[in-house]
N, C-alpha and C. Protein backbone atom coordinates (compact mmCIF):
# COMPACT_ATOMS: atom_id res chain seq x y z
N MET A 1 -58.84 11.91 -168.05
CA MET A 1 -57.90 10.91 -168.52
C MET A 1 -56.93 11.57 -169.50
N ALA A 2 -55.67 11.36 -169.28
CA ALA A 2 -54.65 11.92 -170.16
C ALA A 2 -54.63 11.17 -171.48
N GLY A 3 -54.35 11.90 -172.54
CA GLY A 3 -54.28 11.26 -173.85
C GLY A 3 -52.99 10.49 -174.02
N ALA A 4 -52.95 9.71 -175.07
CA ALA A 4 -51.77 8.89 -175.36
C ALA A 4 -50.71 9.68 -176.13
N THR A 5 -51.07 10.86 -176.59
CA THR A 5 -50.12 11.70 -177.32
C THR A 5 -49.39 12.62 -176.34
N PHE A 6 -48.31 13.22 -176.81
CA PHE A 6 -47.58 14.17 -175.98
C PHE A 6 -47.41 15.47 -176.76
N GLU A 7 -47.21 16.56 -176.03
CA GLU A 7 -47.02 17.87 -176.65
C GLU A 7 -45.56 18.04 -177.06
N ILE A 8 -45.36 18.52 -178.27
CA ILE A 8 -44.02 18.78 -178.78
C ILE A 8 -43.82 20.29 -178.83
N THR A 9 -42.67 20.74 -178.37
CA THR A 9 -42.32 22.16 -178.45
C THR A 9 -41.02 22.30 -179.23
N THR A 10 -40.72 23.53 -179.59
CA THR A 10 -39.46 23.79 -180.29
C THR A 10 -38.28 23.36 -179.43
N ALA A 11 -38.36 23.62 -178.13
CA ALA A 11 -37.25 23.32 -177.22
C ALA A 11 -36.95 21.83 -177.13
N ASP A 12 -38.00 20.99 -177.21
CA ASP A 12 -37.77 19.55 -177.03
C ASP A 12 -37.92 18.75 -178.32
N PHE A 13 -38.06 19.42 -179.46
CA PHE A 13 -38.26 18.71 -180.72
C PHE A 13 -37.11 17.76 -181.02
N SER A 14 -35.90 18.22 -180.86
CA SER A 14 -34.74 17.37 -181.17
C SER A 14 -34.72 16.13 -180.29
N ALA A 15 -34.85 16.30 -178.98
CA ALA A 15 -34.80 15.16 -178.06
C ALA A 15 -36.00 14.24 -178.23
N ASP A 16 -37.19 14.80 -178.36
CA ASP A 16 -38.41 13.98 -178.40
C ASP A 16 -38.67 13.35 -179.76
N VAL A 17 -38.21 13.97 -180.82
CA VAL A 17 -38.53 13.47 -182.16
C VAL A 17 -37.27 12.95 -182.87
N LEU A 18 -36.31 13.81 -183.06
CA LEU A 18 -35.15 13.45 -183.88
C LEU A 18 -34.24 12.41 -183.22
N GLU A 19 -34.18 12.40 -181.90
CA GLU A 19 -33.30 11.46 -181.19
C GLU A 19 -34.05 10.27 -180.59
N SER A 20 -35.32 10.12 -180.92
CA SER A 20 -36.13 9.04 -180.36
C SER A 20 -35.69 7.68 -180.89
N ASP A 21 -35.67 6.69 -180.01
CA ASP A 21 -35.39 5.31 -180.44
C ASP A 21 -36.57 4.71 -181.20
N LEU A 22 -37.77 5.21 -180.91
CA LEU A 22 -38.97 4.74 -181.60
C LEU A 22 -39.32 5.69 -182.73
N PRO A 23 -40.06 5.22 -183.74
CA PRO A 23 -40.59 6.14 -184.73
C PRO A 23 -41.53 7.13 -184.04
N VAL A 24 -41.60 8.35 -184.55
CA VAL A 24 -42.45 9.38 -183.96
C VAL A 24 -43.34 9.96 -185.04
N LEU A 25 -44.65 9.91 -184.81
CA LEU A 25 -45.63 10.53 -185.69
C LEU A 25 -45.94 11.90 -185.12
N VAL A 26 -45.63 12.95 -185.87
CA VAL A 26 -45.87 14.32 -185.42
C VAL A 26 -47.12 14.86 -186.12
N ASP A 27 -48.08 15.27 -185.31
CA ASP A 27 -49.32 15.86 -185.80
C ASP A 27 -49.17 17.38 -185.74
N PHE A 28 -48.97 18.01 -186.89
CA PHE A 28 -48.90 19.47 -186.98
C PHE A 28 -50.34 19.96 -186.98
N THR A 29 -50.72 20.72 -185.96
CA THR A 29 -52.11 21.05 -185.73
C THR A 29 -52.26 22.48 -185.24
N ALA A 30 -53.51 22.96 -185.19
CA ALA A 30 -53.83 24.27 -184.64
C ALA A 30 -55.25 24.23 -184.08
N ASP A 31 -55.49 25.01 -183.04
CA ASP A 31 -56.81 25.03 -182.40
C ASP A 31 -57.91 25.50 -183.34
N TRP A 32 -57.59 26.37 -184.29
CA TRP A 32 -58.59 26.96 -185.17
C TRP A 32 -58.89 26.09 -186.40
N CYS A 33 -58.29 24.92 -186.50
CA CYS A 33 -58.37 24.08 -187.70
C CYS A 33 -59.41 22.97 -187.55
N PRO A 34 -60.59 23.09 -188.20
CA PRO A 34 -61.62 22.04 -188.08
C PRO A 34 -61.15 20.65 -188.53
N PRO A 35 -60.44 20.50 -189.66
CA PRO A 35 -59.98 19.15 -190.02
C PRO A 35 -59.01 18.57 -189.00
N CYS A 36 -58.26 19.44 -188.31
CA CYS A 36 -57.35 18.95 -187.25
C CYS A 36 -58.15 18.33 -186.12
N LYS A 37 -59.27 18.96 -185.78
CA LYS A 37 -60.14 18.42 -184.72
C LYS A 37 -60.78 17.11 -185.16
N MET A 38 -61.06 16.98 -186.46
CA MET A 38 -61.67 15.75 -186.98
C MET A 38 -60.68 14.58 -186.95
N ILE A 39 -59.42 14.85 -187.22
CA ILE A 39 -58.43 13.77 -187.28
C ILE A 39 -57.88 13.43 -185.89
N ALA A 40 -58.05 14.33 -184.93
CA ALA A 40 -57.48 14.15 -183.58
C ALA A 40 -57.85 12.82 -182.92
N PRO A 41 -59.11 12.37 -182.98
CA PRO A 41 -59.43 11.07 -182.36
C PRO A 41 -58.67 9.91 -183.01
N TYR A 42 -58.46 9.96 -184.31
CA TYR A 42 -57.70 8.91 -184.99
C TYR A 42 -56.25 8.90 -184.51
N VAL A 43 -55.69 10.09 -184.37
CA VAL A 43 -54.30 10.21 -183.91
C VAL A 43 -54.17 9.65 -182.49
N GLU A 44 -55.13 9.98 -181.62
CA GLU A 44 -55.12 9.45 -180.25
C GLU A 44 -55.26 7.92 -180.24
N GLN A 45 -56.16 7.40 -181.08
CA GLN A 45 -56.36 5.94 -181.15
C GLN A 45 -55.08 5.24 -181.62
N ILE A 46 -54.43 5.80 -182.60
CA ILE A 46 -53.18 5.21 -183.10
C ILE A 46 -52.12 5.25 -182.01
N ALA A 47 -52.04 6.36 -181.28
CA ALA A 47 -51.07 6.47 -180.18
C ALA A 47 -51.33 5.40 -179.13
N SER A 48 -52.59 5.17 -178.79
CA SER A 48 -52.93 4.15 -177.79
C SER A 48 -52.67 2.74 -178.30
N THR A 49 -53.10 2.48 -179.51
CA THR A 49 -52.98 1.14 -180.09
C THR A 49 -51.53 0.70 -180.23
N TYR A 50 -50.67 1.61 -180.62
CA TYR A 50 -49.28 1.25 -180.92
C TYR A 50 -48.28 1.78 -179.87
N ALA A 51 -48.76 2.05 -178.67
CA ALA A 51 -47.88 2.49 -177.58
C ALA A 51 -46.77 1.45 -177.39
N GLY A 52 -45.55 1.92 -177.24
CA GLY A 52 -44.41 1.02 -177.11
C GLY A 52 -43.74 0.71 -178.44
N GLN A 53 -44.45 0.98 -179.54
CA GLN A 53 -43.90 0.76 -180.88
C GLN A 53 -43.77 2.07 -181.64
N LEU A 54 -44.51 3.07 -181.19
CA LEU A 54 -44.60 4.35 -181.89
C LEU A 54 -44.91 5.42 -180.86
N ARG A 55 -44.25 6.56 -180.98
CA ARG A 55 -44.61 7.73 -180.17
C ARG A 55 -45.39 8.67 -181.07
N VAL A 56 -46.39 9.33 -180.49
CA VAL A 56 -47.21 10.25 -181.26
C VAL A 56 -47.28 11.58 -180.51
N GLY A 57 -46.84 12.64 -181.17
CA GLY A 57 -46.84 13.96 -180.55
C GLY A 57 -47.61 14.97 -181.37
N LYS A 58 -48.10 15.98 -180.68
CA LYS A 58 -48.83 17.07 -181.33
C LYS A 58 -48.00 18.34 -181.24
N LEU A 59 -47.88 19.03 -182.36
CA LEU A 59 -47.14 20.27 -182.41
C LEU A 59 -48.09 21.38 -182.85
N ASP A 60 -48.33 22.35 -181.98
CA ASP A 60 -49.20 23.49 -182.28
C ASP A 60 -48.40 24.46 -183.15
N VAL A 61 -48.81 24.60 -184.39
CA VAL A 61 -48.04 25.42 -185.34
C VAL A 61 -48.09 26.90 -185.01
N ASP A 62 -49.13 27.33 -184.30
CA ASP A 62 -49.20 28.74 -183.90
C ASP A 62 -48.17 29.06 -182.82
N LEU A 63 -47.86 28.08 -181.98
CA LEU A 63 -46.89 28.28 -180.91
C LEU A 63 -45.46 27.98 -181.37
N HIS A 64 -45.33 27.14 -182.40
CA HIS A 64 -44.00 26.70 -182.84
C HIS A 64 -43.88 26.75 -184.37
N PRO A 65 -44.04 27.95 -184.96
CA PRO A 65 -44.04 28.06 -186.43
C PRO A 65 -42.71 27.70 -187.08
N GLN A 66 -41.61 27.82 -186.35
CA GLN A 66 -40.31 27.54 -186.97
C GLN A 66 -40.17 26.07 -187.35
N ILE A 67 -40.75 25.16 -186.57
CA ILE A 67 -40.69 23.74 -186.91
C ILE A 67 -41.55 23.49 -188.15
N MET A 68 -42.71 24.12 -188.18
CA MET A 68 -43.60 24.01 -189.35
C MET A 68 -42.86 24.44 -190.62
N GLN A 69 -42.18 25.57 -190.53
CA GLN A 69 -41.44 26.09 -191.68
C GLN A 69 -40.27 25.19 -192.05
N GLN A 70 -39.57 24.70 -191.04
CA GLN A 70 -38.40 23.85 -191.28
C GLN A 70 -38.75 22.61 -192.09
N TYR A 71 -39.96 22.06 -191.86
CA TYR A 71 -40.36 20.84 -192.55
C TYR A 71 -41.34 21.10 -193.69
N GLY A 72 -41.49 22.36 -194.09
CA GLY A 72 -42.28 22.70 -195.26
C GLY A 72 -43.75 22.38 -195.14
N VAL A 73 -44.29 22.47 -193.94
CA VAL A 73 -45.71 22.20 -193.74
C VAL A 73 -46.49 23.41 -194.24
N MET A 74 -47.34 23.18 -195.25
CA MET A 74 -48.09 24.26 -195.88
C MET A 74 -49.58 24.22 -195.56
N GLY A 75 -50.09 23.06 -195.17
CA GLY A 75 -51.50 22.91 -194.87
C GLY A 75 -51.70 22.06 -193.64
N LEU A 76 -52.86 22.20 -193.04
CA LEU A 76 -53.18 21.44 -191.83
C LEU A 76 -54.44 20.62 -192.03
N PRO A 77 -54.54 19.50 -191.38
CA PRO A 77 -53.48 18.87 -190.59
C PRO A 77 -52.44 18.23 -191.51
N THR A 78 -51.23 18.16 -191.01
CA THR A 78 -50.16 17.40 -191.65
C THR A 78 -49.56 16.48 -190.60
N LEU A 79 -49.41 15.22 -190.96
CA LEU A 79 -48.75 14.24 -190.11
C LEU A 79 -47.44 13.87 -190.78
N ILE A 80 -46.35 13.95 -190.03
CA ILE A 80 -45.05 13.53 -190.54
C ILE A 80 -44.51 12.45 -189.62
N LEU A 81 -44.13 11.33 -190.21
CA LEU A 81 -43.54 10.23 -189.46
C LEU A 81 -42.02 10.35 -189.55
N PHE A 82 -41.39 10.39 -188.40
CA PHE A 82 -39.93 10.46 -188.31
C PHE A 82 -39.39 9.12 -187.83
N GLN A 83 -38.33 8.66 -188.48
CA GLN A 83 -37.63 7.46 -188.03
C GLN A 83 -36.14 7.76 -188.11
N HIS A 84 -35.43 7.48 -187.02
CA HIS A 84 -33.99 7.76 -186.93
C HIS A 84 -33.69 9.21 -187.29
N GLY A 85 -34.57 10.12 -186.86
CA GLY A 85 -34.34 11.55 -187.06
C GLY A 85 -34.69 12.09 -188.43
N GLU A 86 -35.22 11.25 -189.30
CA GLU A 86 -35.54 11.68 -190.66
C GLU A 86 -37.03 11.53 -190.94
N PRO A 87 -37.62 12.48 -191.68
CA PRO A 87 -39.02 12.31 -192.09
C PRO A 87 -39.11 11.22 -193.16
N VAL A 88 -39.97 10.22 -192.93
CA VAL A 88 -40.07 9.11 -193.86
C VAL A 88 -41.46 8.99 -194.50
N GLU A 89 -42.46 9.61 -193.90
CA GLU A 89 -43.81 9.63 -194.47
C GLU A 89 -44.44 10.98 -194.15
N ARG A 90 -45.30 11.43 -195.06
CA ARG A 90 -46.03 12.69 -194.87
C ARG A 90 -47.47 12.47 -195.33
N ILE A 91 -48.40 12.80 -194.45
CA ILE A 91 -49.83 12.67 -194.74
C ILE A 91 -50.44 14.06 -194.58
N ILE A 92 -51.05 14.56 -195.64
CA ILE A 92 -51.58 15.92 -195.64
C ILE A 92 -53.10 15.87 -195.72
N GLY A 93 -53.75 16.62 -194.84
CA GLY A 93 -55.20 16.72 -194.84
C GLY A 93 -55.85 15.63 -194.00
N PHE A 94 -57.17 15.72 -193.94
CA PHE A 94 -57.94 14.74 -193.18
C PHE A 94 -58.03 13.44 -193.97
N VAL A 95 -57.60 12.36 -193.36
CA VAL A 95 -57.71 11.03 -193.97
C VAL A 95 -58.22 10.06 -192.92
N PRO A 96 -58.84 8.96 -193.34
CA PRO A 96 -59.33 7.96 -192.38
C PRO A 96 -58.18 7.29 -191.63
N ARG A 97 -58.52 6.76 -190.46
CA ARG A 97 -57.52 6.10 -189.62
C ARG A 97 -56.78 4.99 -190.37
N ASN A 98 -57.51 4.18 -191.13
CA ASN A 98 -56.86 3.05 -191.81
C ASN A 98 -55.80 3.51 -192.81
N ARG A 99 -55.98 4.67 -193.40
CA ARG A 99 -54.97 5.19 -194.33
C ARG A 99 -53.73 5.69 -193.59
N ILE A 100 -53.95 6.25 -192.40
CA ILE A 100 -52.80 6.66 -191.58
C ILE A 100 -52.03 5.41 -191.15
N GLU A 101 -52.76 4.42 -190.65
CA GLU A 101 -52.12 3.18 -190.19
C GLU A 101 -51.34 2.50 -191.31
N ALA A 102 -51.90 2.48 -192.50
CA ALA A 102 -51.23 1.82 -193.63
C ALA A 102 -49.87 2.46 -193.91
N ARG A 103 -49.76 3.75 -193.71
CA ARG A 103 -48.50 4.46 -193.95
C ARG A 103 -47.52 4.30 -192.80
N VAL A 104 -48.04 4.09 -191.58
CA VAL A 104 -47.21 4.03 -190.37
C VAL A 104 -46.73 2.62 -190.05
N LEU A 105 -47.58 1.62 -190.28
CA LEU A 105 -47.29 0.24 -189.86
C LEU A 105 -45.92 -0.28 -190.30
N PRO A 106 -45.47 -0.04 -191.53
CA PRO A 106 -44.17 -0.58 -191.92
C PRO A 106 -42.99 -0.09 -191.08
N TYR A 107 -43.17 1.00 -190.37
CA TYR A 107 -42.07 1.60 -189.61
C TYR A 107 -42.12 1.29 -188.11
N LEU A 108 -43.15 0.61 -187.66
CA LEU A 108 -43.31 0.38 -186.23
C LEU A 108 -42.18 -0.46 -185.66
N ALA A 109 -41.79 -0.12 -184.45
CA ALA A 109 -40.82 -0.93 -183.72
C ALA A 109 -41.49 -2.23 -183.33
N GLN A 110 -40.73 -3.30 -183.29
CA GLN A 110 -41.29 -4.60 -182.89
C GLN A 110 -41.59 -4.57 -181.39
N PRO A 111 -42.76 -5.08 -180.99
CA PRO A 111 -43.11 -5.06 -179.57
C PRO A 111 -42.15 -5.92 -178.76
N THR A 112 -41.86 -5.46 -177.55
CA THR A 112 -41.01 -6.23 -176.65
C THR A 112 -41.89 -7.08 -175.76
N THR A 113 -41.44 -8.30 -175.49
CA THR A 113 -42.24 -9.20 -174.65
C THR A 113 -41.53 -9.53 -173.37
């Protein structure tokens, strides 16, 4: 089963994140990072729960270090919420799902019916 998140690369960062009509939560992660693996299920759950209101992407910092540097990411995991091309929230380290949601909910797009 495919996850609800999508992979972000340097080549598509602008189109997928900065130009998105929906808010985008970017998970800066790495395969070697244990806290990243711990937070991953929460990130997937948030992506599934708020599909259509929020896009959630994962950016492997080992493959795309220039994006990490551009946004001043110093530790992992780091989640940055982008809205209208601008970073509006930053969550650093492993935190519970409810704390991530509390920071993201005010920015969600209204569901379409």
